[in-house]
Structures are given as structure tokens and as C-alpha cells.
Amino acid sequence: MIETTAEKFLLLIQHPQKSRFILSDPYKKSGLVGSILLDLSYEGKIDVENGRLILKKPDTNLSTAHKEVLDRIQKSSKDRKVKTWVSRFSGKSARYQREILRNLENKGIISIKQKRFLFFKYYRTKLINHKIRNQIIKEIRETILYNKQLNDENSLILGLVESCNMYRIICKDKQERKICKTRVKEWIQSDAISQGVSKVIKEMQAAVIGAVVASSSAASSGSN
């Protein structure tokens, strides 16, 4: 039912009871873009060479959001660094988010309610199928804490957990968070996953962290 890392990411950061996300906006934006790029990499549509994102195949059926991202990469006049793409796509992340959330709504996993305040329209999402989200968390926990086999597919969401500091979502206490952080970092640096996927995860992590730092710095400057 859950077909992409982008869907897993948005479900993980959706509050289990309330109509809001539990991750800060900079992490949410760059993390969503990172999840889309990881999906495209796993599907063999893009790769990373010398820190630059390279187009391999120009089509995808993963989602409308994935297709829009891939189309923009294809139309680029030159190969650009991963951090450049994460920064550029983050500005469109609200659009990609809505598209992926619609997919989750169509699957009966979340509900989307349209809201209005004065002349402004917005929406709120609420989790309906808690079982799906709980299952994703369970699988992540089993991989990290109980040595379930690590592969290229489940390593994608682990890369996001690390880069977006999502350990509080999957861990029950401080001790578990400490164990999980250590193991995930070790896995990403090891040969437990293929070199190609590991390379993309590392570049994506650096790009997400850079985007979050830049966003925080801009916010801080604006408040002075």
C-alpha cells in the first residue's frame, strides 16, 4: 500500500492524533525533497557522480511529484550538485507535499480537510489508518534494534531518519535514541548497502543539513 519513501516520510512526521506535523518546517521541506530524490535513485532514474546529480532515465510512474522533479532535472542545462537541487526543490515542496498527501488520502490512510481564514485557504491532514504508520515504525525499529536484514530499500528511510533527526519518532527513550544514532551512522558508512545507494544517501544527508542550516540562518537574520 505504501509505495515510496516520500509517503513513508510524510506518514512518519504526521502527528498520530492531531492535525499537524511533528517535524520543523525546514526539515519537513528538505526531507521531503530528499525522500523524492532517494526514490528516484533507488528506481535507477538518477545517480550521483562527483557530488552532482546525473539523469539516467527521464520517466517515472512513482507519483506526479516524482515526475515533476525528474522533468525539471531533465530540463536543466547542466548537471548540478545535490545540495543545489534540494535547495531549489524545497521552494516547491508544498506542492509536492499536497500531491503525495492526496495519494495517501486516496488510499484511505489520511484525511485532508480544506480550511479558510479570511481570504486565505489552507488544509489540515489527520491520520486515519494508524496501523500503517505503526507498521513503518515497527519495521524501522526491528531493522535498527533487532538486527533485521538491512537492504537498499529500507536503508532509504534510515538515511532520512538520520539526516532529519527523526529518532524521537521511532525511539521510546533516550537510551534507544543513543543506540539508534550510533548504528544508523555505522551502517551508512559501511558496506551493508550498495555503494550507489550509500553514495546518494550521503549526498542527500549533506544537502538536507545544509538546507536546514541555511533556512535557520535566514530566519535568524530576518528576526534581527
C-alpha atoms as a PDB file:
ATOM      1  CA  MET A   1       0.000   0.000   0.000  1.00  0.00           C
ATOM      2  CA  ILE A   2       2.884   2.367   0.797  1.00  0.00           C
ATOM      3  CA  GLU A   3       4.949   2.521  -2.364  1.00  0.00           C
ATOM      4  CA  THR A   4       7.523   5.281  -1.861  1.00  0.00           C
ATOM      5  CA  THR A   5       9.945   6.650   0.694  1.00  0.00           C
ATOM      6  CA  ALA A   6       8.223  10.031   0.287  1.00  0.00           C
ATOM      7  CA  GLU A   7       4.952   8.512   1.505  1.00  0.00           C
ATOM      8  CA  LYS A   8       6.720   6.876   4.453  1.00  0.00           C
ATOM      9  CA  PHE A   9       8.365  10.184   5.356  1.00  0.00           C
ATOM     10  CA  LEU A  10       5.110  12.156   5.451  1.00  0.00           C
ATOM     11  CA  LEU A  11       3.369   9.429   7.453  1.00  0.00           C
ATOM     12  CA  LEU A  12       6.175   9.300   9.997  1.00  0.00           C
ATOM     13  CA  ILE A  13       6.110  13.040  10.603  1.00  0.00           C
ATOM     14  CA  GLN A  14       2.295  13.218  10.767  1.00  0.00           C
ATOM     15  CA  HIS A  15       1.148  13.566  14.377  1.00  0.00           C
ATOM     16  CA  PRO A  16      -0.660  10.332  15.323  1.00  0.00           C
ATOM     17  CA  GLN A  17      -3.587  12.191  16.968  1.00  0.00           C
ATOM     18  CA  LYS A  18      -3.511  15.834  15.919  1.00  0.00           C
ATOM     19  CA  SER A  19      -3.870  17.547  12.556  1.00  0.00           C
ATOM     20  CA  ARG A  20      -0.281  18.708  12.256  1.00  0.00           C
ATOM     21  CA  PHE A  21       3.247  17.547  11.514  1.00  0.00           C
ATOM     22  CA  ILE A  22       5.781  16.827  14.237  1.00  0.00           C
ATOM     23  CA  LEU A  23       8.872  17.963  12.367  1.00  0.00           C
ATOM     24  CA  SER A  24      10.040  21.546  11.951  1.00  0.00           C
ATOM     25  CA  ASP A  25       9.282  23.191   8.618  1.00  0.00           C
ATOM     26  CA  PRO A  26      12.896  23.359   7.328  1.00  0.00           C
ATOM     27  CA  TYR A  27      13.401  19.640   7.998  1.00  0.00           C
ATOM     28  CA  LYS A  28      10.000  18.817   6.520  1.00  0.00           C
ATOM     29  CA  LYS A  29      10.665  20.693   3.280  1.00  0.00           C
ATOM     30  CA  SER A  30      14.193  19.478   2.643  1.00  0.00           C
ATOM     31  CA  GLY A  31      13.429  15.994   3.984  1.00  0.00           C
ATOM     32  CA  LEU A  32      10.524  15.577   1.561  1.00  0.00           C
ATOM     33  CA  VAL A  33      12.694  16.658  -1.366  1.00  0.00           C
ATOM     34  CA  GLY A  34      15.405  14.276  -0.159  1.00  0.00           C
ATOM     35  CA  SER A  35      12.906  11.410   0.025  1.00  0.00           C
ATOM     36  CA  ILE A  36      11.789  12.033  -3.564  1.00  0.00           C
ATOM     37  CA  LEU A  37      15.396  12.066  -4.793  1.00  0.00           C
ATOM     38  CA  LEU A  38      16.115   8.839  -2.886  1.00  0.00           C
ATOM     39  CA  ASP A  39      13.101   7.185  -4.528  1.00  0.00           C
ATOM     40  CA  LEU A  40      14.288   8.251  -7.966  1.00  0.00           C
ATOM     41  CA  SER A  41      17.782   6.988  -7.222  1.00  0.00           C
ATOM     42  CA  TYR A  42      16.509   3.619  -5.987  1.00  0.00           C
ATOM     43  CA  GLU A  43      14.408   3.333  -9.152  1.00  0.00           C
ATOM     44  CA  GLY A  44      17.527   3.952 -11.246  1.00  0.00           C
ATOM     45  CA  LYS A  45      16.354   7.270 -12.684  1.00  0.00           C
ATOM     46  CA  ILE A  46      19.160   9.390 -11.223  1.00  0.00           C
ATOM     47  CA  ASP A  47      22.643   8.879  -9.812  1.00  0.00           C
ATOM     48  CA  VAL A  48      25.355  10.946  -8.153  1.00  0.00           C
ATOM     49  CA  GLU A  49      28.791  11.442  -9.684  1.00  0.00           C
ATOM     50  CA  ASN A  50      31.355  13.722  -8.033  1.00  0.00           C
ATOM     51  CA  GLY A  51      28.642  15.299  -5.918  1.00  0.00           C
ATOM     52  CA  ARG A  52      26.489  16.142  -8.921  1.00  0.00           C
ATOM     53  CA  LEU A  53      23.112  14.656  -9.709  1.00  0.00           C
ATOM     54  CA  ILE A  54      23.068  12.816 -13.036  1.00  0.00           C
ATOM     55  CA  LEU A  55      19.946  11.906 -15.004  1.00  0.00           C
ATOM     56  CA  LYS A  56      19.845   8.255 -16.073  1.00  0.00           C
ATOM     57  CA  LYS A  57      16.258   7.720 -17.269  1.00  0.00           C
ATOM     58  CA  PRO A  58      13.758  10.524 -17.933  1.00  0.00           C
ATOM     59  CA  ASP A  59      10.497   8.863 -16.889  1.00  0.00           C
ATOM     60  CA  THR A  60       8.850   7.568 -13.706  1.00  0.00           C
ATOM     61  CA  ASN A  61       5.433   6.367 -12.572  1.00  0.00           C
ATOM     62  CA  LEU A  62       6.042   6.752  -8.831  1.00  0.00           C
ATOM     63  CA  SER A  63       3.841   9.854  -8.421  1.00  0.00           C
ATOM     64  CA  THR A  64       3.090  13.199 -10.022  1.00  0.00           C
ATOM     65  CA  ALA A  65       5.519  14.846  -7.589  1.00  0.00           C
ATOM     66  CA  HIS A  66       8.323  12.441  -8.528  1.00  0.00           C
ATOM     67  CA  LYS A  67       7.637  13.041 -12.207  1.00  0.00           C
ATOM     68  CA  GLU A  68       7.727  16.832 -11.808  1.00  0.00           C
ATOM     69  CA  VAL A  69      11.071  16.647 -10.015  1.00  0.00           C
ATOM     70  CA  LEU A  70      12.522  14.319 -12.654  1.00  0.00           C
ATOM     71  CA  ASP A  71      11.227  16.511 -15.503  1.00  0.00           C
ATOM     72  CA  ARG A  72      12.909  19.563 -14.016  1.00  0.00           C
ATOM     73  CA  ILE A  73      16.199  17.704 -13.665  1.00  0.00           C
ATOM     74  CA  GLN A  74      15.927  16.600 -17.280  1.00  0.00           C
ATOM     75  CA  LYS A  75      15.340  20.166 -18.486  1.00  0.00           C
ATOM     76  CA  SER A  76      18.360  21.539 -16.629  1.00  0.00           C
ATOM     77  CA  SER A  77      21.067  22.920 -18.905  1.00  0.00           C
ATOM     78  CA  LYS A  78      23.797  21.269 -16.812  1.00  0.00           C
ATOM     79  CA  ASP A  79      24.438  18.730 -14.068  1.00  0.00           C
ATOM     80  CA  ARG A  80      24.060  20.377 -10.681  1.00  0.00           C
ATOM     81  CA  LYS A  81      25.111  19.463  -7.151  1.00  0.00           C
ATOM     82  CA  VAL A  82      22.647  17.568  -4.993  1.00  0.00           C
ATOM     83  CA  LYS A  83      22.550  20.417  -2.462  1.00  0.00           C
ATOM     84  CA  THR A  84      21.610  22.827  -5.269  1.00  0.00           C
ATOM     85  CA  TRP A  85      18.662  20.680  -6.268  1.00  0.00           C
ATOM     86  CA  VAL A  86      17.499  20.185  -2.681  1.00  0.00           C
ATOM     87  CA  SER A  87      17.579  23.960  -2.188  1.00  0.00           C
ATOM     88  CA  ARG A  88      15.694  24.643  -5.427  1.00  0.00           C
ATOM     89  CA  PHE A  89      13.081  21.938  -4.954  1.00  0.00           C
ATOM     90  CA  SER A  90      12.455  22.960  -1.336  1.00  0.00           C
ATOM     91  CA  GLY A  91      10.731  26.068  -2.671  1.00  0.00           C
ATOM     92  CA  LYS A  92       8.224  23.784  -4.402  1.00  0.00           C
ATOM     93  CA  SER A  93       7.933  21.320  -1.518  1.00  0.00           C
ATOM     94  CA  ALA A  94       4.424  22.487  -0.532  1.00  0.00           C
ATOM     95  CA  ARG A  95       3.168  21.463  -3.960  1.00  0.00           C
ATOM     96  CA  TYR A  96       4.916  18.094  -3.851  1.00  0.00           C
ATOM     97  CA  GLN A  97       3.591  17.563  -0.329  1.00  0.00           C
ATOM     98  CA  ARG A  98      -0.020  18.122  -1.405  1.00  0.00           C
ATOM     99  CA  GLU A  99       0.331  15.699  -4.299  1.00  0.00           C
ATOM    100  CA  ILE A 100       1.754  12.917  -2.154  1.00  0.00           C
ATOM    101  CA  LEU A 101      -0.791  13.571   0.598  1.00  0.00           C
ATOM    102  CA  ARG A 102      -3.577  13.200  -1.967  1.00  0.00           C
ATOM    103  CA  ASN A 103      -2.205   9.771  -2.830  1.00  0.00           C
ATOM    104  CA  LEU A 104      -2.311   8.825   0.856  1.00  0.00           C
ATOM    105  CA  GLU A 105      -5.851  10.158   1.124  1.00  0.00           C
ATOM    106  CA  ASN A 106      -6.929   8.082  -1.883  1.00  0.00           C
ATOM    107  CA  LYS A 107      -5.535   5.027  -0.103  1.00  0.00           C
ATOM    108  CA  GLY A 108      -7.620   5.788   2.983  1.00  0.00           C
ATOM    109  CA  ILE A 109      -4.598   6.416   5.220  1.00  0.00           C
ATOM    110  CA  ILE A 110      -5.130  10.107   5.964  1.00  0.00           C
ATOM    111  CA  SER A 111      -7.932  12.645   5.607  1.00  0.00           C
ATOM    112  CA  ILE A 112      -7.488  16.144   4.201  1.00  0.00           C
ATOM    113  CA  LYS A 113      -9.776  18.941   5.345  1.00  0.00           C
ATOM    114  CA  GLN A 114      -9.877  22.245   3.487  1.00  0.00           C
ATOM    115  CA  LYS A 115      -9.847  25.309   5.744  1.00  0.00           C
ATOM    116  CA  ARG A 116     -10.291  29.032   5.288  1.00  0.00           C
ATOM    117  CA  PHE A 117      -9.247  32.070   7.332  1.00  0.00           C
ATOM    118  CA  LEU A 118     -10.381  35.399   5.910  1.00  0.00           C
ATOM    119  CA  PHE A 119      -9.137  35.270   2.307  1.00  0.00           C
ATOM    120  CA  PHE A 120      -6.611  32.503   2.892  1.00  0.00           C
ATOM    121  CA  LYS A 121      -7.247  28.876   2.037  1.00  0.00           C
ATOM    122  CA  TYR A 122      -5.261  26.082   3.630  1.00  0.00           C
ATOM    123  CA  TYR A 123      -5.664  22.448   4.613  1.00  0.00           C
ATOM    124  CA  ARG A 124      -5.086  20.146   7.550  1.00  0.00           C
ATOM    125  CA  THR A 125      -4.330  16.430   7.490  1.00  0.00           C
ATOM    126  CA  LYS A 126      -5.284  13.799  10.033  1.00  0.00           C
ATOM    127  CA  LEU A 127      -4.145  10.209  10.334  1.00  0.00           C
ATOM    128  CA  ILE A 128      -6.920   7.648   9.768  1.00  0.00           C
ATOM    129  CA  ASN A 129      -5.072   4.369   9.372  1.00  0.00           C
ATOM    130  CA  HIS A 130      -2.784   4.240  12.411  1.00  0.00           C
ATOM    131  CA  LYS A 131      -1.841   0.644  11.631  1.00  0.00           C
ATOM    132  CA  ILE A 132       0.144   1.620   8.539  1.00  0.00           C
ATOM    133  CA  ARG A 133       2.186   4.265  10.357  1.00  0.00           C
ATOM    134  CA  ASN A 134       2.788   1.938  13.299  1.00  0.00           C
ATOM    135  CA  GLN A 135       3.954  -0.783  10.933  1.00  0.00           C
ATOM    136  CA  ILE A 136       6.513   1.549   9.337  1.00  0.00           C
ATOM    137  CA  ILE A 137       7.856   2.470  12.763  1.00  0.00           C
ATOM    138  CA  LYS A 138       7.937  -1.196  13.778  1.00  0.00           C
ATOM    139  CA  GLU A 139       9.948  -2.156  10.686  1.00  0.00           C
ATOM    140  CA  ILE A 140      12.456   0.640  11.310  1.00  0.00           C
ATOM    141  CA  ARG A 141      12.839  -0.383  14.933  1.00  0.00           C
ATOM    142  CA  GLU A 142      13.301  -4.045  14.004  1.00  0.00           C
ATOM    143  CA  THR A 143      15.988  -3.128  11.489  1.00  0.00           C
ATOM    144  CA  ILE A 144      17.944  -0.950  13.916  1.00  0.00           C
ATOM    145  CA  LEU A 145      17.367  -2.536  17.304  1.00  0.00           C
ATOM    146  CA  TYR A 146      16.763  -6.191  16.459  1.00  0.00           C
ATOM    147  CA  ASN A 147      19.145  -6.645  13.529  1.00  0.00           C
ATOM    148  CA  LYS A 148      16.555  -7.228  10.823  1.00  0.00           C
ATOM    149  CA  GLN A 149      18.329  -7.561   7.487  1.00  0.00           C
ATOM    150  CA  LEU A 150      19.340  -4.179   6.067  1.00  0.00           C
ATOM    151  CA  ASN A 151      18.873  -3.709   2.329  1.00  0.00           C
ATOM    152  CA  ASP A 152      18.894  -0.864  -0.175  1.00  0.00           C
ATOM    153  CA  GLU A 153      15.147  -0.251   0.138  1.00  0.00           C
ATOM    154  CA  ASN A 154      14.855   0.091   3.899  1.00  0.00           C
ATOM    155  CA  SER A 155      18.150   1.988   4.082  1.00  0.00           C
ATOM    156  CA  LEU A 156      16.469   4.932   2.316  1.00  0.00           C
ATOM    157  CA  ILE A 157      14.171   5.771   5.206  1.00  0.00           C
ATOM    158  CA  LEU A 158      17.028   5.234   7.664  1.00  0.00           C
ATOM    159  CA  GLY A 159      19.013   7.868   5.803  1.00  0.00           C
ATOM    160  CA  LEU A 160      16.129  10.300   6.298  1.00  0.00           C
ATOM    161  CA  VAL A 161      15.778   9.406   9.972  1.00  0.00           C
ATOM    162  CA  GLU A 162      19.421  10.348  10.432  1.00  0.00           C
ATOM    163  CA  SER A 163      19.539  13.488   8.296  1.00  0.00           C
ATOM    164  CA  CYS A 164      16.251  14.908   9.669  1.00  0.00           C
ATOM    165  CA  ASN A 165      16.929  13.827  13.259  1.00  0.00           C
ATOM    166  CA  MET A 166      13.698  11.795  13.465  1.00  0.00           C
ATOM    167  CA  TYR A 167      14.875   9.472  16.234  1.00  0.00           C
ATOM    168  CA  ARG A 168      12.270  10.763  18.695  1.00  0.00           C
ATOM    169  CA  ILE A 169       9.583   9.430  16.357  1.00  0.00           C
ATOM    170  CA  ILE A 170      10.866   5.860  16.351  1.00  0.00           C
ATOM    171  CA  CYS A 171      12.595   5.564  19.741  1.00  0.00           C
ATOM    172  CA  LYS A 172      10.932   5.162  23.123  1.00  0.00           C
ATOM    173  CA  ASP A 173      13.577   6.772  25.287  1.00  0.00           C
ATOM    174  CA  LYS A 174      16.959   8.476  25.392  1.00  0.00           C
ATOM    175  CA  GLN A 175      18.875   5.186  25.601  1.00  0.00           C
ATOM    176  CA  GLU A 176      17.228   3.855  22.454  1.00  0.00           C
ATOM    177  CA  ARG A 177      17.968   7.089  20.623  1.00  0.00           C
ATOM    178  CA  LYS A 178      21.633   6.792  21.502  1.00  0.00           C
ATOM    179  CA  ILE A 179      21.790   3.196  20.214  1.00  0.00           C
ATOM    180  CA  CYS A 180      19.888   4.018  17.027  1.00  0.00           C
ATOM    181  CA  LYS A 181      22.040   7.034  16.173  1.00  0.00           C
ATOM    182  CA  THR A 182      25.217   5.014  16.531  1.00  0.00           C
ATOM    183  CA  ARG A 183      24.008   2.056  14.470  1.00  0.00           C
ATOM    184  CA  VAL A 184      22.487   4.085  11.636  1.00  0.00           C
ATOM    185  CA  LYS A 185      25.648   6.157  11.242  1.00  0.00           C
ATOM    186  CA  GLU A 186      27.748   2.986  11.182  1.00  0.00           C
ATOM    187  CA  TRP A 187      25.528   1.348   8.565  1.00  0.00           C
ATOM    188  CA  ILE A 188      25.618   4.335   6.232  1.00  0.00           C
ATOM    189  CA  GLN A 189      29.420   4.351   6.380  1.00  0.00           C
ATOM    190  CA  SER A 190      29.720   0.563   5.962  1.00  0.00           C
ATOM    191  CA  ASP A 191      29.235  -1.792   3.005  1.00  0.00           C
ATOM    192  CA  ALA A 192      25.905  -3.095   4.366  1.00  0.00           C
ATOM    193  CA  ILE A 193      24.150  -1.385   1.444  1.00  0.00           C
ATOM    194  CA  SER A 194      25.219  -0.970  -2.160  1.00  0.00           C
ATOM    195  CA  GLN A 195      27.792   1.665  -2.961  1.00  0.00           C
ATOM    196  CA  GLY A 196      25.449   3.512  -5.297  1.00  0.00           C
ATOM    197  CA  VAL A 197      22.647   3.867  -2.757  1.00  0.00           C
ATOM    198  CA  SER A 198      25.091   4.716   0.029  1.00  0.00           C
ATOM    199  CA  LYS A 199      26.589   7.477  -2.112  1.00  0.00           C
ATOM    200  CA  VAL A 200      23.210   9.054  -2.812  1.00  0.00           C
ATOM    201  CA  ILE A 201      22.165   8.836   0.850  1.00  0.00           C
ATOM    202  CA  LYS A 202      25.340  10.607   1.993  1.00  0.00           C
ATOM    203  CA  GLU A 203      24.942  13.384  -0.579  1.00  0.00           C
ATOM    204  CA  MET A 204      21.276  13.775   0.297  1.00  0.00           C
ATOM    205  CA  GLN A 205      22.067  13.978   4.012  1.00  0.00           C
ATOM    206  CA  ALA A 206      24.658  16.704   3.473  1.00  0.00           C
ATOM    207  CA  ALA A 207      22.225  18.612   1.257  1.00  0.00           C
ATOM    208  CA  VAL A 208      19.353  18.395   3.765  1.00  0.00           C
ATOM    209  CA  ILE A 209      21.531  19.523   6.653  1.00  0.00           C
ATOM    210  CA  GLY A 210      22.883  22.390   4.548  1.00  0.00           C
ATOM    211  CA  ALA A 211      19.370  23.476   3.557  1.00  0.00           C
ATOM    212  CA  VAL A 212      18.178  23.416   7.178  1.00  0.00           C
ATOM    213  CA  VAL A 213      21.182  25.446   8.375  1.00  0.00           C
ATOM    214  CA  ALA A 214      20.658  27.986   5.587  1.00  0.00           C
ATOM    215  CA  SER A 215      16.955  28.276   6.408  1.00  0.00           C
ATOM    216  CA  SER A 216      17.655  28.739  10.114  1.00  0.00           C
ATOM    217  CA  SER A 217      20.296  31.378   9.409  1.00  0.00           C
ATOM    218  CA  ALA A 218      17.909  33.283   7.145  1.00  0.00           C
ATOM    219  CA  ALA A 219      15.170  33.175   9.776  1.00  0.00           C
ATOM    220  CA  SER A 220      17.577  34.388  12.441  1.00  0.00           C
ATOM    221  CA  SER A 221      18.773  37.273  10.265  1.00  0.00           C
ATOM    222  CA  GLY A 222      15.203  38.269   9.498  1.00  0.00           C
ATOM    223  CA  SER A 223      14.325  38.496  13.165  1.00  0.00           C
ATOM    224  CA  ASN A 224      17.215  40.862  13.982  1.00  0.00           C
END
